Protein backbone atom coordinates (compact mmCIF):
# COMPACT_ATOMS: atom_id res chain seq x y z
CA MET A 1 23.16 -32.44 4.39
CA SER A 2 21.22 -29.28 3.95
CA ILE A 3 20.59 -27.38 0.72
CA ARG A 4 20.48 -23.66 0.96
CA PRO A 5 19.34 -21.40 -1.78
CA SER A 6 22.04 -19.29 -3.44
CA PRO A 7 21.63 -15.43 -3.19
CA THR A 8 20.26 -15.34 -6.74
CA GLU A 9 17.50 -17.99 -6.11
CA GLU A 10 14.06 -16.92 -4.95
CA THR A 11 12.70 -18.13 -1.63
CA THR A 12 9.03 -19.00 -1.28
CA GLY A 13 6.96 -18.70 1.70
CA SER A 14 8.47 -15.38 3.01
CA ILE A 15 6.18 -12.45 3.95
CA ASP A 16 7.20 -8.79 3.31
CA VAL A 17 5.38 -6.11 5.30
CA ALA A 18 5.47 -2.36 4.47
CA VAL A 19 4.08 0.69 6.37
CA VAL A 20 3.50 3.63 4.18
CA ASN A 21 2.46 7.29 4.71
CA ASN A 22 -0.29 8.34 2.31
CA PRO A 23 -1.13 12.10 1.96
CA LEU A 24 -3.99 12.74 -0.39
CA MET A 25 -5.11 16.00 -2.00
CA ALA A 26 -8.84 15.91 -2.76
CA ASN A 27 -10.85 18.32 -4.92
CA VAL A 28 -14.35 19.41 -4.42
CA VAL A 29 -16.68 20.45 -7.29
CA GLY A 30 -16.74 24.10 -6.19
CA GLY A 31 -12.85 24.39 -6.78
CA ASN A 32 -11.85 24.03 -3.06
CA GLY A 33 -9.48 21.28 -2.16
CA PHE A 34 -8.42 19.60 1.04
CA TRP A 35 -5.74 17.27 2.33
CA MET A 36 -6.35 13.94 3.86
CA GLN A 37 -3.74 12.23 6.00
CA GLY A 38 -3.29 8.59 6.73
CA GLY A 39 -1.31 5.43 6.00
CA SER A 40 -1.45 1.92 4.66
CA LEU A 41 -0.23 -1.56 5.61
CA GLN A 42 0.91 -3.81 2.76
CA PHE A 43 1.66 -7.51 2.96
CA HIS A 44 3.26 -9.53 0.15
CA SER A 45 3.99 -13.29 0.04
CA GLN A 46 5.97 -15.15 -2.63
CA LEU A 47 4.01 -18.26 -3.25
CA TRP A 48 5.55 -19.96 -6.37
CA GLN A 49 8.59 -18.83 -8.40
CA ARG A 50 7.75 -15.15 -9.26
CA LEU A 51 4.01 -15.39 -8.54
CA GLY A 52 2.84 -14.09 -5.22
CA ALA A 53 -0.12 -12.49 -3.34
CA VAL A 54 -0.47 -8.93 -1.99
CA ALA A 55 -2.93 -7.18 0.32
CA ASP A 56 -3.09 -3.47 1.07
CA VAL A 57 -5.23 -1.85 3.68
CA SER A 58 -5.26 2.02 3.61
CA GLY A 59 -6.94 4.48 5.98
CA LEU A 60 -7.30 8.29 5.49
CA HIS A 61 -8.85 11.06 7.68
CA THR A 62 -9.56 14.83 7.61
CA ALA A 63 -11.79 17.28 9.41
CA ILE A 64 -13.33 19.74 7.00
CA THR A 65 -14.12 23.08 8.41
CA SER A 66 -16.39 25.61 6.75
CA GLY A 67 -16.30 28.95 8.61
CA SER A 68 -18.16 29.50 11.84
CA SER A 69 -20.74 26.72 11.18
CA GLY A 70 -18.33 24.11 12.20
CA GLY A 71 -17.40 21.24 9.79
CA ALA A 72 -17.39 17.56 8.94
CA ARG A 73 -15.19 14.65 9.56
CA LEU A 74 -14.23 12.44 6.57
CA ASP A 75 -12.82 9.03 6.98
CA MET A 76 -11.96 6.62 4.10
CA VAL A 77 -10.74 2.99 4.38
CA ILE A 78 -9.65 1.06 1.32
CA ALA A 79 -8.78 -2.68 1.21
CA SER A 80 -7.40 -4.32 -1.85
CA PHE A 81 -5.78 -7.66 -2.56
CA GLY A 82 -4.80 -9.80 -5.54
CA PRO A 83 -2.02 -11.65 -7.35
CA ARG A 84 1.39 -10.13 -7.98
CA TYR A 85 4.08 -11.06 -10.65
CA THR A 86 7.49 -10.01 -9.71
CA TRP A 87 9.69 -9.30 -12.69
CA LYS A 88 13.52 -9.28 -12.11
CA SER A 89 16.11 -8.17 -14.59
CA THR A 90 18.90 -10.53 -15.48
CA HIS A 91 21.41 -7.79 -15.31
CA ARG A 92 22.45 -6.61 -11.95
CA ARG A 93 24.46 -3.44 -11.26
């Protein structure tokens, strides 16, 4: 005999993965702004009841040009992780 969770019960041990596009508008002190393009990869795992763990790794890139003198490349990598509590409403529509 096997016991399967009903659709309303939460399952633990599953991993959700998301790939996200991250455009970012950055401002410089002189009033000029520039766009950075990149993306992030997110992982979420439900560990116990509504408590889980999440990790997010993002990367952004731009090439800043300043007239005929060339320019500079700017890369940014951000990694964050921590606990996540998932709240679900008892009313479903």
